[in-house]
Amino acid sequence: MSGAEATLCPSCYGGALRNEVAHARRSVSGVWLFTGILTVIGAIAAFSAVGQSGAGALLLIPLVFAASWCLFWGWSPVWNGFRRLFAGWGCFGSWFFVLIVTVLVAEILVGIAILTGAFTGIQKYNQARRTIANGNQLLAELQGTLMAQGPGMQSGRTA
């Protein structure tokens, strides 16, 4: 959850916790799907290059895996920072912004995102895994508390 302090009813807290666990699950699933797809593409490219470049081309496979893992975790903060940086340039219009991004800056942003993900990816992955485990445990405890209170107490009223 965020650092803000708030008092929530058990139902609202449970809903927010379920949303956080679902987001963490999507992150964990997403990193493996994204990394797997790019690694398969890299493996196909590596195996097709073995005849021309030799067995050294197989080193492309772990490199693609590591780069795609880092890109997954690093892209969002880099892209959001880039958008904030150019947010005040409204006089150029959206077509010019897209032109700058695709033609001049995309490769640099991908490189920065890979470096950012290299330093934060494993930490974010482990945090998402902990969120899933702890969130499921808290949801089970919350469900047990609501069941013990009875149906009339769940909405804050007595029966």
C-alpha atoms as a PDB file:
ATOM      1  CA  MET A   1       0.000   0.000   0.000  1.00  0.00           C
ATOM      2  CA  SER A   2       1.038   3.631  -0.174  1.00  0.00           C
ATOM      3  CA  GLY A   3       2.672   5.494   2.663  1.00  0.00           C
ATOM      4  CA  ALA A   4      -0.491   7.487   3.463  1.00  0.00           C
ATOM      5  CA  GLU A   5      -2.264   6.596   6.700  1.00  0.00           C
ATOM      6  CA  ALA A   6      -5.995   5.947   6.485  1.00  0.00           C
ATOM      7  CA  THR A   7      -8.647   4.109   8.432  1.00  0.00           C
ATOM      8  CA  LEU A   8     -10.605   1.703   6.264  1.00  0.00           C
ATOM      9  CA  CYS A   9     -13.476  -0.602   7.006  1.00  0.00           C
ATOM     10  CA  PRO A  10     -12.603  -4.310   6.653  1.00  0.00           C
ATOM     11  CA  SER A  11     -14.463  -4.525   3.350  1.00  0.00           C
ATOM     12  CA  CYS A  12     -12.624  -1.541   1.826  1.00  0.00           C
ATOM     13  CA  TYR A  13      -9.296  -2.783   3.172  1.00  0.00           C
ATOM     14  CA  GLY A  14      -9.946  -6.219   1.700  1.00  0.00           C
ATOM     15  CA  GLY A  15     -10.804  -4.706  -1.679  1.00  0.00           C
ATOM     16  CA  ALA A  16      -7.667  -2.563  -1.742  1.00  0.00           C
ATOM     17  CA  LEU A  17      -5.558  -5.526  -0.677  1.00  0.00           C
ATOM     18  CA  ARG A  18      -7.074  -7.730  -3.400  1.00  0.00           C
ATOM     19  CA  ASN A  19      -6.246  -5.035  -5.990  1.00  0.00           C
ATOM     20  CA  GLU A  20      -2.645  -4.834  -4.782  1.00  0.00           C
ATOM     21  CA  VAL A  21      -2.235  -8.633  -4.863  1.00  0.00           C
ATOM     22  CA  ALA A  22      -3.761  -8.767  -8.363  1.00  0.00           C
ATOM     23  CA  HIS A  23      -1.333  -6.086  -9.588  1.00  0.00           C
ATOM     24  CA  ALA A  24       1.609  -7.995  -8.120  1.00  0.00           C
ATOM     25  CA  ARG A  25       0.430 -11.209  -9.797  1.00  0.00           C
ATOM     26  CA  ARG A  26       0.164  -9.425 -13.145  1.00  0.00           C
ATOM     27  CA  SER A  27       3.720  -8.122 -12.695  1.00  0.00           C
ATOM     28  CA  VAL A  28       5.113 -11.561 -11.872  1.00  0.00           C
ATOM     29  CA  SER A  29       3.234 -13.197 -14.753  1.00  0.00           C
ATOM     30  CA  GLY A  30       4.045 -10.343 -17.104  1.00  0.00           C
ATOM     31  CA  VAL A  31       7.786 -10.460 -16.523  1.00  0.00           C
ATOM     32  CA  TRP A  32       7.906 -14.173 -17.303  1.00  0.00           C
ATOM     33  CA  LEU A  33       5.703 -13.850 -20.385  1.00  0.00           C
ATOM     34  CA  PHE A  34       7.604 -10.845 -21.773  1.00  0.00           C
ATOM     35  CA  THR A  35      11.016 -12.333 -20.975  1.00  0.00           C
ATOM     36  CA  GLY A  36      10.019 -15.736 -22.350  1.00  0.00           C
ATOM     37  CA  ILE A  37       8.764 -14.362 -25.646  1.00  0.00           C
ATOM     38  CA  LEU A  38      11.847 -12.217 -26.220  1.00  0.00           C
ATOM     39  CA  THR A  39      14.165 -15.060 -25.181  1.00  0.00           C
ATOM     40  CA  VAL A  40      12.514 -17.434 -27.661  1.00  0.00           C
ATOM     41  CA  ILE A  41      12.926 -14.823 -30.404  1.00  0.00           C
ATOM     42  CA  GLY A  42      16.569 -14.386 -29.364  1.00  0.00           C
ATOM     43  CA  ALA A  43      17.107 -18.159 -29.349  1.00  0.00           C
ATOM     44  CA  ILE A  44      15.687 -18.460 -32.864  1.00  0.00           C
ATOM     45  CA  ALA A  45      18.000 -15.675 -34.021  1.00  0.00           C
ATOM     46  CA  ALA A  46      20.980 -17.271 -32.235  1.00  0.00           C
ATOM     47  CA  PHE A  47      20.395 -20.728 -33.703  1.00  0.00           C
ATOM     48  CA  SER A  48      20.003 -19.283 -37.179  1.00  0.00           C
ATOM     49  CA  ALA A  49      23.287 -17.360 -36.775  1.00  0.00           C
ATOM     50  CA  VAL A  50      25.316 -20.360 -35.519  1.00  0.00           C
ATOM     51  CA  GLY A  51      26.164 -21.394 -39.091  1.00  0.00           C
ATOM     52  CA  GLN A  52      27.521 -17.947 -39.934  1.00  0.00           C
ATOM     53  CA  SER A  53      28.966 -16.733 -36.636  1.00  0.00           C
ATOM     54  CA  GLY A  54      29.828 -19.984 -34.893  1.00  0.00           C
ATOM     55  CA  ALA A  55      28.802 -21.277 -31.501  1.00  0.00           C
ATOM     56  CA  GLY A  56      29.458 -17.881 -29.925  1.00  0.00           C
ATOM     57  CA  ALA A  57      26.094 -16.782 -31.291  1.00  0.00           C
ATOM     58  CA  LEU A  58      24.482 -18.928 -28.597  1.00  0.00           C
ATOM     59  CA  LEU A  59      25.651 -16.359 -26.029  1.00  0.00           C
ATOM     60  CA  LEU A  60      22.909 -14.172 -27.448  1.00  0.00           C
ATOM     61  CA  ILE A  61      20.281 -16.252 -25.614  1.00  0.00           C
ATOM     62  CA  PRO A  62      21.232 -15.364 -22.001  1.00  0.00           C
ATOM     63  CA  LEU A  63      21.958 -11.807 -23.104  1.00  0.00           C
ATOM     64  CA  VAL A  64      18.449 -11.443 -24.542  1.00  0.00           C
ATOM     65  CA  PHE A  65      16.971 -12.987 -21.396  1.00  0.00           C
ATOM     66  CA  ALA A  66      18.806 -10.536 -19.114  1.00  0.00           C
ATOM     67  CA  ALA A  67      18.070  -7.527 -21.329  1.00  0.00           C
ATOM     68  CA  SER A  68      14.361  -8.347 -21.596  1.00  0.00           C
ATOM     69  CA  TRP A  69      14.082  -8.871 -17.809  1.00  0.00           C
ATOM     70  CA  CYS A  70      15.721  -5.489 -17.215  1.00  0.00           C
ATOM     71  CA  LEU A  71      13.635  -3.778 -19.891  1.00  0.00           C
ATOM     72  CA  PHE A  72      10.401  -5.078 -18.323  1.00  0.00           C
ATOM     73  CA  TRP A  73      11.182  -3.569 -14.909  1.00  0.00           C
ATOM     74  CA  GLY A  74      12.972  -0.452 -16.125  1.00  0.00           C
ATOM     75  CA  TRP A  75      10.737   0.801 -18.923  1.00  0.00           C
ATOM     76  CA  SER A  76       7.882   2.235 -16.842  1.00  0.00           C
ATOM     77  CA  PRO A  77       9.926   4.587 -14.630  1.00  0.00           C
ATOM     78  CA  VAL A  78      12.060   5.763 -17.559  1.00  0.00           C
ATOM     79  CA  TRP A  79       9.080   6.368 -19.857  1.00  0.00           C
ATOM     80  CA  ASN A  80       7.130   8.207 -17.134  1.00  0.00           C
ATOM     81  CA  GLY A  81      10.159  10.402 -16.395  1.00  0.00           C
ATOM     82  CA  PHE A  82      10.561  11.191 -20.087  1.00  0.00           C
ATOM     83  CA  ARG A  83       6.881  12.139 -20.383  1.00  0.00           C
ATOM     84  CA  ARG A  84       7.132  14.408 -17.326  1.00  0.00           C
ATOM     85  CA  LEU A  85      10.227  16.067 -18.798  1.00  0.00           C
ATOM     86  CA  PHE A  86       8.464  16.957 -22.058  1.00  0.00           C
ATOM     87  CA  ALA A  87       4.995  17.595 -20.595  1.00  0.00           C
ATOM     88  CA  GLY A  88       5.320  21.372 -20.941  1.00  0.00           C
ATOM     89  CA  TRP A  89       6.173  21.274 -24.629  1.00  0.00           C
ATOM     90  CA  GLY A  90       2.529  21.411 -25.721  1.00  0.00           C
ATOM     91  CA  CYS A  91       3.206  23.969 -28.469  1.00  0.00           C
ATOM     92  CA  PHE A  92       4.783  21.269 -30.664  1.00  0.00           C
ATOM     93  CA  GLY A  93       1.673  19.072 -30.751  1.00  0.00           C
ATOM     94  CA  SER A  94       1.411  15.347 -30.250  1.00  0.00           C
ATOM     95  CA  TRP A  95       2.696  14.344 -33.726  1.00  0.00           C
ATOM     96  CA  PHE A  96       6.005  16.066 -33.050  1.00  0.00           C
ATOM     97  CA  PHE A  97       6.303  14.318 -29.690  1.00  0.00           C
ATOM     98  CA  VAL A  98       5.746  10.924 -31.342  1.00  0.00           C
ATOM     99  CA  LEU A  99       8.303  11.791 -34.026  1.00  0.00           C
ATOM    100  CA  ILE A 100      10.932  12.718 -31.429  1.00  0.00           C
ATOM    101  CA  VAL A 101      10.317   9.548 -29.439  1.00  0.00           C
ATOM    102  CA  THR A 102      10.322   7.112 -32.331  1.00  0.00           C
ATOM    103  CA  VAL A 103      13.111   8.582 -34.445  1.00  0.00           C
ATOM    104  CA  LEU A 104      15.592  10.235 -32.090  1.00  0.00           C
ATOM    105  CA  VAL A 105      15.140   8.970 -28.551  1.00  0.00           C
ATOM    106  CA  ALA A 106      13.694   5.428 -28.549  1.00  0.00           C
ATOM    107  CA  GLU A 107      17.040   3.619 -28.551  1.00  0.00           C
ATOM    108  CA  ILE A 108      18.417   5.807 -25.784  1.00  0.00           C
ATOM    109  CA  LEU A 109      15.299   5.270 -23.657  1.00  0.00           C
ATOM    110  CA  VAL A 110      15.490   1.495 -24.133  1.00  0.00           C
ATOM    111  CA  GLY A 111      19.148   1.546 -23.074  1.00  0.00           C
ATOM    112  CA  ILE A 112      18.373   3.610 -19.990  1.00  0.00           C
ATOM    113  CA  ALA A 113      15.396   1.361 -19.194  1.00  0.00           C
ATOM    114  CA  ILE A 114      17.590  -1.739 -19.412  1.00  0.00           C
ATOM    115  CA  LEU A 115      20.134  -0.168 -17.061  1.00  0.00           C
ATOM    116  CA  THR A 116      17.374   0.926 -14.675  1.00  0.00           C
ATOM    117  CA  GLY A 117      15.840  -2.545 -14.714  1.00  0.00           C
ATOM    118  CA  ALA A 118      19.253  -4.119 -14.124  1.00  0.00           C
ATOM    119  CA  PHE A 119      19.450  -2.312 -10.800  1.00  0.00           C
ATOM    120  CA  THR A 120      15.805  -2.615  -9.753  1.00  0.00           C
ATOM    121  CA  GLY A 121      14.351  -5.698 -11.483  1.00  0.00           C
ATOM    122  CA  ILE A 122      15.168  -8.403  -8.967  1.00  0.00           C
ATOM    123  CA  GLN A 123      14.128  -6.163  -6.079  1.00  0.00           C
ATOM    124  CA  LYS A 124      10.767  -5.369  -7.745  1.00  0.00           C
ATOM    125  CA  TYR A 125      10.195  -9.044  -8.605  1.00  0.00           C
ATOM    126  CA  ASN A 126      10.876 -10.134  -5.009  1.00  0.00           C
ATOM    127  CA  GLN A 127       8.653  -7.333  -3.698  1.00  0.00           C
ATOM    128  CA  ALA A 128       5.802  -8.478  -5.962  1.00  0.00           C
ATOM    129  CA  ARG A 129       6.246 -12.080  -4.764  1.00  0.00           C
ATOM    130  CA  ARG A 130       6.158 -10.927  -1.104  1.00  0.00           C
ATOM    131  CA  THR A 131       3.056  -8.833  -1.810  1.00  0.00           C
ATOM    132  CA  ILE A 132       1.287 -11.878  -3.221  1.00  0.00           C
ATOM    133  CA  ALA A 133       2.233 -14.099  -0.268  1.00  0.00           C
ATOM    134  CA  ASN A 134       1.561 -11.529   2.461  1.00  0.00           C
ATOM    135  CA  GLY A 135      -1.583 -10.230   0.760  1.00  0.00           C
ATOM    136  CA  ASN A 136      -3.086 -13.693   0.481  1.00  0.00           C
ATOM    137  CA  GLN A 137      -2.340 -14.329   4.150  1.00  0.00           C
ATOM    138  CA  LEU A 138      -3.874 -11.005   5.211  1.00  0.00           C
ATOM    139  CA  LEU A 139      -6.953 -11.644   3.047  1.00  0.00           C
ATOM    140  CA  ALA A 140      -7.425 -15.054   4.667  1.00  0.00           C
ATOM    141  CA  GLU A 141      -7.123 -13.505   8.149  1.00  0.00           C
ATOM    142  CA  LEU A 142      -9.523 -10.710   7.188  1.00  0.00           C
ATOM    143  CA  GLN A 143     -12.029 -13.211   5.812  1.00  0.00           C
ATOM    144  CA  GLY A 144     -11.766 -15.205   9.065  1.00  0.00           C
ATOM    145  CA  THR A 145     -12.388 -12.043  11.104  1.00  0.00           C
ATOM    146  CA  LEU A 146     -15.446 -11.140   9.038  1.00  0.00           C
ATOM    147  CA  MET A 147     -16.832 -14.666   9.355  1.00  0.00           C
ATOM    148  CA  ALA A 148     -16.323 -14.590  13.135  1.00  0.00           C
ATOM    149  CA  GLN A 149     -18.171 -11.267  13.409  1.00  0.00           C
ATOM    150  CA  GLY A 150     -21.218 -12.637  11.680  1.00  0.00           C
ATOM    151  CA  PRO A 151     -23.222 -11.244   8.796  1.00  0.00           C
ATOM    152  CA  GLY A 152     -24.715  -8.318  10.704  1.00  0.00           C
ATOM    153  CA  MET A 153     -21.328  -6.872  11.726  1.00  0.00           C
ATOM    154  CA  GLN A 154     -19.723  -6.825   8.285  1.00  0.00           C
ATOM    155  CA  SER A 155     -21.360  -3.587   7.215  1.00  0.00           C
ATOM    156  CA  GLY A 156     -20.664  -1.885  10.528  1.00  0.00           C
ATOM    157  CA  ARG A 157     -24.210  -2.367  11.871  1.00  0.00           C
ATOM    158  CA  THR A 158     -25.482  -4.844  14.392  1.00  0.00           C
ATOM    159  CA  ALA A 159     -28.203  -7.266  13.392  1.00  0.00           C
END
